[in-house]
Amino acid sequence: MDGWQRAFVLHGRPYSETSLLLDFFTENEGRVRVLAKGARSRRSNLKGCLQPFTPLLIRWSGRGEIKTLREAEPISLALPLTGSVLYSGLYVNELLSRVLEQGTAYPAIFFDYLQCLQILAASEHTPEYALRRFELSVLTHMGYGVDYLHCAGSGEPVTDTMNYRYREEKGFIASLVVDHYSFTGNELKALAAREFPDPTTLKAAKRFTRIALKPYLGGKPLKSRELFRQFVRKKTDISNQKN
């Protein structure tokens, strides 16, 4: 790879005594696994910048599954994600690491990923809004085609107050059954617009994205969710001790 590419670190782990094995999300090559030789050594100038949420320009070489990092430069300081928002960012990174095929370009997802991180860093809204919109973006750009606005059985436009049950590979079908897979027409319109004006539509969006992403994630639980649960429990314990 001769040219520079915009990139973010999704995940990294130590490799040998002084190196790092990194999963990057790049603008034009998608997810790329790269070996950063000597990046953990004391003299390395890369140690500080090869961190999640830092916008980078990188170059690598190699034709195999694992490339070799040649150069990396931070474009700006790391996006400031702290507290519960940090765990939202870790979730987004883990989601991409799990669902994106290596070496496949997803430039639209890259743009939406950057926008998601910027919204999380700004902390102007609850993280839930940014996460649901990003999940729906990932599903769309990966080719997950579903029509939220029409009944898959009749082809008729959905009605706000009517109930529709989701059926995998078919879509939403009008139904009298109300369960975990059921959504109102109003909730489906919110999913189509990626706008969630109230807690009910936001909760429905979370329920749907969990259902839709499950086949991509498999049975292995997400580490970021468990870390967030531990964070919440610790925060609750500290609050109880103060009271």
C-alpha atoms as a PDB file:
ATOM      1  CA  MET A   1       0.000   0.000   0.000  1.00  0.00           C
ATOM      2  CA  ASP A   2       1.886   3.060  -1.216  1.00  0.00           C
ATOM      3  CA  GLY A   3      -0.586   5.844  -0.440  1.00  0.00           C
ATOM      4  CA  TRP A   4      -1.777   7.241   2.855  1.00  0.00           C
ATOM      5  CA  GLN A   5      -5.225   6.372   4.155  1.00  0.00           C
ATOM      6  CA  ARG A   6      -7.411   7.764   6.855  1.00  0.00           C
ATOM      7  CA  ALA A   7      -7.861   5.175   9.576  1.00  0.00           C
ATOM      8  CA  PHE A   8      -8.892   4.417  13.159  1.00  0.00           C
ATOM      9  CA  VAL A   9      -7.671   1.667  15.475  1.00  0.00           C
ATOM     10  CA  LEU A  10     -10.553  -0.697  16.245  1.00  0.00           C
ATOM     11  CA  HIS A  11      -8.609  -3.107  18.422  1.00  0.00           C
ATOM     12  CA  GLY A  12      -5.029  -3.824  19.375  1.00  0.00           C
ATOM     13  CA  ARG A  13      -3.091  -6.392  21.347  1.00  0.00           C
ATOM     14  CA  PRO A  14       0.559  -6.980  22.227  1.00  0.00           C
ATOM     15  CA  TYR A  15       2.573  -9.037  19.755  1.00  0.00           C
ATOM     16  CA  SER A  16       6.008 -10.231  20.843  1.00  0.00           C
ATOM     17  CA  GLU A  17       7.911  -8.091  23.336  1.00  0.00           C
ATOM     18  CA  THR A  18       7.785  -4.773  21.500  1.00  0.00           C
ATOM     19  CA  SER A  19       5.163  -4.944  18.756  1.00  0.00           C
ATOM     20  CA  LEU A  20       1.401  -4.496  18.394  1.00  0.00           C
ATOM     21  CA  LEU A  21      -1.109  -6.383  16.261  1.00  0.00           C
ATOM     22  CA  LEU A  22      -3.781  -3.891  15.243  1.00  0.00           C
ATOM     23  CA  ASP A  23      -7.139  -3.982  13.503  1.00  0.00           C
ATOM     24  CA  PHE A  24      -7.603  -0.718  11.609  1.00  0.00           C
ATOM     25  CA  PHE A  25     -10.768   0.565   9.994  1.00  0.00           C
ATOM     26  CA  THR A  26      -9.555   2.402   6.897  1.00  0.00           C
ATOM     27  CA  GLU A  27     -11.454   4.652   4.533  1.00  0.00           C
ATOM     28  CA  ASN A  28     -10.672   2.798   1.290  1.00  0.00           C
ATOM     29  CA  GLU A  29      -9.675  -0.731   2.334  1.00  0.00           C
ATOM     30  CA  GLY A  30     -12.102  -1.380   5.167  1.00  0.00           C
ATOM     31  CA  ARG A  31     -10.857  -3.509   8.055  1.00  0.00           C
ATOM     32  CA  VAL A  32      -7.142  -4.256   7.799  1.00  0.00           C
ATOM     33  CA  ARG A  33      -4.935  -6.226  10.221  1.00  0.00           C
ATOM     34  CA  VAL A  34      -1.514  -4.664  10.592  1.00  0.00           C
ATOM     35  CA  LEU A  35       1.616  -5.504  12.567  1.00  0.00           C
ATOM     36  CA  ALA A  36       3.235  -2.415  14.097  1.00  0.00           C
ATOM     37  CA  LYS A  37       6.810  -3.547  14.719  1.00  0.00           C
ATOM     38  CA  GLY A  38       8.481  -1.990  17.739  1.00  0.00           C
ATOM     39  CA  ALA A  39       5.429   0.129  18.558  1.00  0.00           C
ATOM     40  CA  ARG A  40       5.606  -0.838  22.248  1.00  0.00           C
ATOM     41  CA  SER A  41       9.286  -0.053  22.656  1.00  0.00           C
ATOM     42  CA  ARG A  42      10.319   2.946  24.750  1.00  0.00           C
ATOM     43  CA  ARG A  43      11.804   4.756  21.779  1.00  0.00           C
ATOM     44  CA  SER A  44       8.765   4.336  19.528  1.00  0.00           C
ATOM     45  CA  ASN A  45       7.004   7.546  18.529  1.00  0.00           C
ATOM     46  CA  LEU A  46       3.904   5.517  17.634  1.00  0.00           C
ATOM     47  CA  LYS A  47       2.953   4.384  21.127  1.00  0.00           C
ATOM     48  CA  GLY A  48       0.857   7.443  21.909  1.00  0.00           C
ATOM     49  CA  CYS A  49      -1.091   7.661  18.660  1.00  0.00           C
ATOM     50  CA  LEU A  50      -1.993   4.005  17.985  1.00  0.00           C
ATOM     51  CA  GLN A  51      -5.031   4.223  20.248  1.00  0.00           C
ATOM     52  CA  PRO A  52      -8.772   3.906  19.566  1.00  0.00           C
ATOM     53  CA  PHE A  53     -10.661   7.089  18.619  1.00  0.00           C
ATOM     54  CA  THR A  54      -7.550   8.871  17.288  1.00  0.00           C
ATOM     55  CA  PRO A  55      -7.942   9.973  13.633  1.00  0.00           C
ATOM     56  CA  LEU A  56      -4.862   8.727  11.769  1.00  0.00           C
ATOM     57  CA  LEU A  57      -3.142   8.704   8.426  1.00  0.00           C
ATOM     58  CA  ILE A  58      -1.366   5.380   7.875  1.00  0.00           C
ATOM     59  CA  ARG A  59       0.679   3.499   5.291  1.00  0.00           C
ATOM     60  CA  TRP A  60       1.402  -0.221   5.233  1.00  0.00           C
ATOM     61  CA  SER A  61       2.976  -2.890   3.036  1.00  0.00           C
ATOM     62  CA  GLY A  62       2.528  -6.616   2.434  1.00  0.00           C
ATOM     63  CA  ARG A  63       0.181  -8.885   0.526  1.00  0.00           C
ATOM     64  CA  GLY A  64      -0.721 -11.442   3.180  1.00  0.00           C
ATOM     65  CA  GLU A  65      -3.533 -11.378   5.717  1.00  0.00           C
ATOM     66  CA  ILE A  66      -1.334  -9.429   8.149  1.00  0.00           C
ATOM     67  CA  LYS A  67       0.251  -6.285   6.731  1.00  0.00           C
ATOM     68  CA  THR A  68       3.241  -4.355   8.093  1.00  0.00           C
ATOM     69  CA  LEU A  69       2.773  -0.789   9.272  1.00  0.00           C
ATOM     70  CA  ARG A  70       5.222   1.622   7.627  1.00  0.00           C
ATOM     71  CA  GLU A  71       4.090   4.998   8.937  1.00  0.00           C
ATOM     72  CA  ALA A  72       1.317   6.461  11.056  1.00  0.00           C
ATOM     73  CA  GLU A  73       0.527  10.077  11.862  1.00  0.00           C
ATOM     74  CA  PRO A  74      -2.308  11.481  13.970  1.00  0.00           C
ATOM     75  CA  ILE A  75      -4.544  13.920  12.100  1.00  0.00           C
ATOM     76  CA  SER A  76      -5.794  15.395  15.352  1.00  0.00           C
ATOM     77  CA  LEU A  77      -6.061  14.618  19.044  1.00  0.00           C
ATOM     78  CA  ALA A  78      -8.084  11.605  20.117  1.00  0.00           C
ATOM     79  CA  LEU A  79     -11.819  12.239  20.284  1.00  0.00           C
ATOM     80  CA  PRO A  80     -12.648  12.757  23.979  1.00  0.00           C
ATOM     81  CA  LEU A  81     -14.790   9.789  25.001  1.00  0.00           C
ATOM     82  CA  THR A  82     -15.128   9.325  28.757  1.00  0.00           C
ATOM     83  CA  GLY A  83     -17.452   7.665  31.247  1.00  0.00           C
ATOM     84  CA  SER A  84     -20.394   5.758  29.801  1.00  0.00           C
ATOM     85  CA  VAL A  85     -19.759   7.315  26.383  1.00  0.00           C
ATOM     86  CA  LEU A  86     -16.360   5.571  26.283  1.00  0.00           C
ATOM     87  CA  TYR A  87     -18.104   2.208  26.483  1.00  0.00           C
ATOM     88  CA  SER A  88     -20.407   3.253  23.646  1.00  0.00           C
ATOM     89  CA  GLY A  89     -17.308   3.903  21.536  1.00  0.00           C
ATOM     90  CA  LEU A  90     -15.812   0.549  22.504  1.00  0.00           C
ATOM     91  CA  TYR A  91     -19.080  -1.112  21.490  1.00  0.00           C
ATOM     92  CA  VAL A  92     -19.012   0.552  18.064  1.00  0.00           C
ATOM     93  CA  ASN A  93     -15.404  -0.592  17.554  1.00  0.00           C
ATOM     94  CA  GLU A  94     -16.185  -4.159  18.616  1.00  0.00           C
ATOM     95  CA  LEU A  95     -19.256  -4.227  16.378  1.00  0.00           C
ATOM     96  CA  LEU A  96     -17.169  -3.276  13.332  1.00  0.00           C
ATOM     97  CA  SER A  97     -14.449  -5.762  14.260  1.00  0.00           C
ATOM     98  CA  ARG A  98     -17.045  -8.531  14.348  1.00  0.00           C
ATOM     99  CA  VAL A  99     -19.230  -7.766  11.333  1.00  0.00           C
ATOM    100  CA  LEU A 100     -16.929  -6.276   8.679  1.00  0.00           C
ATOM    101  CA  GLU A 101     -15.113  -8.607   6.330  1.00  0.00           C
ATOM    102  CA  GLN A 102     -11.398  -8.004   6.197  1.00  0.00           C
ATOM    103  CA  GLY A 103     -10.176  -6.121   3.123  1.00  0.00           C
ATOM    104  CA  THR A 104     -13.625  -5.013   1.937  1.00  0.00           C
ATOM    105  CA  ALA A 105     -14.107  -1.269   1.473  1.00  0.00           C
ATOM    106  CA  TYR A 106     -16.992   0.424   3.289  1.00  0.00           C
ATOM    107  CA  PRO A 107     -16.407   4.159   2.664  1.00  0.00           C
ATOM    108  CA  ALA A 108     -19.987   5.084   3.600  1.00  0.00           C
ATOM    109  CA  ILE A 109     -19.710   3.230   6.919  1.00  0.00           C
ATOM    110  CA  PHE A 110     -16.355   4.940   7.539  1.00  0.00           C
ATOM    111  CA  PHE A 111     -18.005   8.349   7.174  1.00  0.00           C
ATOM    112  CA  ASP A 112     -20.910   7.335   9.432  1.00  0.00           C
ATOM    113  CA  TYR A 113     -18.442   5.901  11.973  1.00  0.00           C
ATOM    114  CA  LEU A 114     -16.564   9.200  12.136  1.00  0.00           C
ATOM    115  CA  GLN A 115     -19.845  11.085  12.513  1.00  0.00           C
ATOM    116  CA  CYS A 116     -20.963   8.688  15.272  1.00  0.00           C
ATOM    117  CA  LEU A 117     -17.731   9.233  17.238  1.00  0.00           C
ATOM    118  CA  GLN A 118     -18.049  13.006  16.858  1.00  0.00           C
ATOM    119  CA  ILE A 119     -21.613  12.928  18.201  1.00  0.00           C
ATOM    120  CA  LEU A 120     -20.554  10.719  21.121  1.00  0.00           C
ATOM    121  CA  ALA A 121     -17.621  13.029  21.897  1.00  0.00           C
ATOM    122  CA  ALA A 122     -19.866  16.105  21.826  1.00  0.00           C
ATOM    123  CA  SER A 123     -22.149  14.482  24.429  1.00  0.00           C
ATOM    124  CA  GLU A 124     -25.048  16.655  23.304  1.00  0.00           C
ATOM    125  CA  HIS A 125     -27.434  13.696  23.107  1.00  0.00           C
ATOM    126  CA  THR A 126     -27.829  10.403  24.888  1.00  0.00           C
ATOM    127  CA  PRO A 127     -25.476   7.829  23.292  1.00  0.00           C
ATOM    128  CA  GLU A 128     -28.481   5.693  22.393  1.00  0.00           C
ATOM    129  CA  TYR A 129     -29.467   7.942  19.481  1.00  0.00           C
ATOM    130  CA  ALA A 130     -26.011   7.830  17.878  1.00  0.00           C
ATOM    131  CA  LEU A 131     -25.668   4.077  18.427  1.00  0.00           C
ATOM    132  CA  ARG A 132     -29.042   3.167  16.917  1.00  0.00           C
ATOM    133  CA  ARG A 133     -28.463   5.338  13.858  1.00  0.00           C
ATOM    134  CA  PHE A 134     -25.013   3.850  13.346  1.00  0.00           C
ATOM    135  CA  GLU A 135     -26.253   0.264  13.711  1.00  0.00           C
ATOM    136  CA  LEU A 136     -28.939   0.889  11.094  1.00  0.00           C
ATOM    137  CA  SER A 137     -26.309   2.462   8.826  1.00  0.00           C
ATOM    138  CA  VAL A 138     -24.073  -0.607   9.142  1.00  0.00           C
ATOM    139  CA  LEU A 139     -26.964  -2.931   8.326  1.00  0.00           C
ATOM    140  CA  THR A 140     -27.950  -0.866   5.282  1.00  0.00           C
ATOM    141  CA  HIS A 141     -24.451  -0.576   3.811  1.00  0.00           C
ATOM    142  CA  MET A 142     -23.776  -4.270   4.347  1.00  0.00           C
ATOM    143  CA  GLY A 143     -26.726  -5.033   2.104  1.00  0.00           C
ATOM    144  CA  TYR A 144     -29.294  -5.862   4.764  1.00  0.00           C
ATOM    145  CA  GLY A 145     -32.366  -4.947   2.726  1.00  0.00           C
ATOM    146  CA  VAL A 146     -35.621  -4.556   4.613  1.00  0.00           C
ATOM    147  CA  ASP A 147     -38.657  -2.421   3.790  1.00  0.00           C
ATOM    148  CA  TYR A 148     -39.869  -0.682   6.927  1.00  0.00           C
ATOM    149  CA  LEU A 149     -42.674   1.199   5.206  1.00  0.00           C
ATOM    150  CA  HIS A 150     -44.687  -1.600   3.579  1.00  0.00           C
ATOM    151  CA  CYS A 151     -46.283  -4.789   4.824  1.00  0.00           C
ATOM    152  CA  ALA A 152     -44.330  -7.717   3.338  1.00  0.00           C
ATOM    153  CA  GLY A 153     -47.527  -9.738   3.087  1.00  0.00           C
ATOM    154  CA  SER A 154     -49.853  -7.304   1.309  1.00  0.00           C
ATOM    155  CA  GLY A 155     -47.517  -4.621  -0.014  1.00  0.00           C
ATOM    156  CA  GLU A 156     -49.711  -1.974   1.611  1.00  0.00           C
ATOM    157  CA  PRO A 157     -48.099   1.006   3.399  1.00  0.00           C
ATOM    158  CA  VAL A 158     -47.755   0.461   7.145  1.00  0.00           C
ATOM    159  CA  THR A 159     -50.351   2.069   9.407  1.00  0.00           C
ATOM    160  CA  ASP A 160     -49.158   3.840  12.551  1.00  0.00           C
ATOM    161  CA  THR A 161     -51.278   1.945  15.044  1.00  0.00           C
ATOM    162  CA  MET A 162     -51.223  -1.464  13.369  1.00  0.00           C
ATOM    163  CA  ASN A 163     -48.930  -4.226  14.599  1.00  0.00           C
ATOM    164  CA  TYR A 164     -46.305  -5.858  12.334  1.00  0.00           C
ATOM    165  CA  ARG A 165     -44.220  -8.897  13.151  1.00  0.00           C
ATOM    166  CA  TYR A 166     -40.686  -9.174  11.800  1.00  0.00           C
ATOM    167  CA  ARG A 167     -39.829 -12.327   9.849  1.00  0.00           C
ATOM    168  CA  GLU A 168     -36.206 -12.850   8.842  1.00  0.00           C
ATOM    169  CA  GLU A 169     -35.539 -12.555   5.087  1.00  0.00           C
ATOM    170  CA  LYS A 170     -39.158 -11.495   4.500  1.00  0.00           C
ATOM    171  CA  GLY A 171     -39.757  -8.273   6.380  1.00  0.00           C
ATOM    172  CA  PHE A 172     -42.642  -6.976   8.477  1.00  0.00           C
ATOM    173  CA  ILE A 173     -46.009  -8.668   8.169  1.00  0.00           C
ATOM    174  CA  ALA A 174     -49.273  -7.437   9.728  1.00  0.00           C
ATOM    175  CA  SER A 175     -50.076  -9.629  12.711  1.00  0.00           C
ATOM    176  CA  LEU A 176     -52.262  -9.852  15.803  1.00  0.00           C
ATOM    177  CA  VAL A 177     -49.379 -11.481  17.699  1.00  0.00           C
ATOM    178  CA  VAL A 178     -47.526  -9.067  19.978  1.00  0.00           C
ATOM    179  CA  ASP A 179     -44.104 -10.248  21.112  1.00  0.00           C
ATOM    180  CA  HIS A 180     -40.384  -9.410  20.965  1.00  0.00           C
ATOM    181  CA  TYR A 181     -40.504  -9.418  17.145  1.00  0.00           C
ATOM    182  CA  SER A 182     -43.514  -7.079  16.890  1.00  0.00           C
ATOM    183  CA  PHE A 183     -43.430  -3.383  15.983  1.00  0.00           C
ATOM    184  CA  THR A 184     -46.096  -0.754  15.383  1.00  0.00           C
ATOM    185  CA  GLY A 185     -46.261   1.070  12.073  1.00  0.00           C
ATOM    186  CA  ASN A 186     -45.188   4.237  13.888  1.00  0.00           C
ATOM    187  CA  GLU A 187     -42.048   2.492  15.159  1.00  0.00           C
ATOM    188  CA  LEU A 188     -41.263   1.197  11.669  1.00  0.00           C
ATOM    189  CA  LYS A 189     -41.517   4.716  10.243  1.00  0.00           C
ATOM    190  CA  ALA A 190     -39.052   5.886  12.882  1.00  0.00           C
ATOM    191  CA  LEU A 191     -36.650   3.101  11.849  1.00  0.00           C
ATOM    192  CA  ALA A 192     -36.957   4.097   8.194  1.00  0.00           C
ATOM    193  CA  ALA A 193     -36.192   7.742   8.995  1.00  0.00           C
ATOM    194  CA  ARG A 194     -33.555   6.879  11.633  1.00  0.00           C
ATOM    195  CA  GLU A 195     -35.269   9.429  13.864  1.00  0.00           C
ATOM    196  CA  PHE A 196     -36.467   8.489  17.336  1.00  0.00           C
ATOM    197  CA  PRO A 197     -38.554  11.314  18.821  1.00  0.00           C
ATOM    198  CA  ASP A 198     -39.553   9.507  22.009  1.00  0.00           C
ATOM    199  CA  PRO A 199     -38.399   6.701  24.361  1.00  0.00           C
ATOM    200  CA  THR A 200     -40.806   4.206  22.766  1.00  0.00           C
ATOM    201  CA  THR A 201     -39.374   4.481  19.251  1.00  0.00           C
ATOM    202  CA  LEU A 202     -35.813   4.535  20.616  1.00  0.00           C
ATOM    203  CA  LYS A 203     -36.448   1.359  22.587  1.00  0.00           C
ATOM    204  CA  ALA A 204     -37.998  -0.291  19.514  1.00  0.00           C
ATOM    205  CA  ALA A 205     -34.915   0.642  17.466  1.00  0.00           C
ATOM    206  CA  LYS A 206     -32.638  -1.040  20.007  1.00  0.00           C
ATOM    207  CA  ARG A 207     -34.811  -4.160  19.955  1.00  0.00           C
ATOM    208  CA  PHE A 208     -34.765  -4.322  16.154  1.00  0.00           C
ATOM    209  CA  THR A 209     -31.015  -3.766  15.754  1.00  0.00           C
ATOM    210  CA  ARG A 210     -30.327  -6.509  18.323  1.00  0.00           C
ATOM    211  CA  ILE A 211     -32.495  -8.878  16.258  1.00  0.00           C
ATOM    212  CA  ALA A 212     -30.996  -7.859  12.907  1.00  0.00           C
ATOM    213  CA  LEU A 213     -27.352  -7.906  14.039  1.00  0.00           C
ATOM    214  CA  LYS A 214     -27.553 -11.255  15.822  1.00  0.00           C
ATOM    215  CA  PRO A 215     -26.849 -13.382  12.688  1.00  0.00           C
ATOM    216  CA  TYR A 216     -23.714 -11.292  12.025  1.00  0.00           C
ATOM    217  CA  LEU A 217     -22.446 -11.474  15.607  1.00  0.00           C
ATOM    218  CA  GLY A 218     -23.128 -15.157  16.233  1.00  0.00           C
ATOM    219  CA  GLY A 219     -23.412 -16.580  19.734  1.00  0.00           C
ATOM    220  CA  LYS A 220     -20.262 -14.985  21.159  1.00  0.00           C
ATOM    221  CA  PRO A 221     -21.178 -12.182  23.613  1.00  0.00           C
ATOM    222  CA  LEU A 222     -19.799  -8.684  23.116  1.00  0.00           C
ATOM    223  CA  LYS A 223     -17.034  -7.813  25.596  1.00  0.00           C
ATOM    224  CA  SER A 224     -17.921  -4.112  25.518  1.00  0.00           C
ATOM    225  CA  ARG A 225     -21.427  -4.818  26.857  1.00  0.00           C
ATOM    226  CA  GLU A 226     -20.025  -6.745  29.825  1.00  0.00           C
ATOM    227  CA  LEU A 227     -17.497  -3.966  30.515  1.00  0.00           C
ATOM    228  CA  PHE A 228     -20.337  -1.440  30.494  1.00  0.00           C
ATOM    229  CA  ARG A 229     -22.359  -3.563  32.946  1.00  0.00           C
ATOM    230  CA  GLN A 230     -19.341  -3.698  35.268  1.00  0.00           C
ATOM    231  CA  PHE A 231     -18.964   0.090  34.979  1.00  0.00           C
ATOM    232  CA  VAL A 232     -22.628   0.627  35.902  1.00  0.00           C
ATOM    233  CA  ARG A 233     -22.427  -1.811  38.851  1.00  0.00           C
ATOM    234  CA  LYS A 234     -19.285  -0.094  40.168  1.00  0.00           C
ATOM    235  CA  LYS A 235     -20.885   3.325  39.798  1.00  0.00           C
ATOM    236  CA  THR A 236     -24.005   2.110  41.640  1.00  0.00           C
ATOM    237  CA  ASP A 237     -21.921   0.619  44.459  1.00  0.00           C
ATOM    238  CA  ILE A 238     -20.012   3.895  44.921  1.00  0.00           C
ATOM    239  CA  SER A 239     -23.288   5.842  44.963  1.00  0.00           C
ATOM    240  CA  ASN A 240     -24.784   3.472  47.557  1.00  0.00           C
ATOM    241  CA  GLN A 241     -21.686   3.787  49.762  1.00  0.00           C
ATOM    242  CA  LYS A 242     -21.983   7.593  49.724  1.00  0.00           C
ATOM    243  CA  ASN A 243     -25.640   7.399  50.749  1.00  0.00           C
END
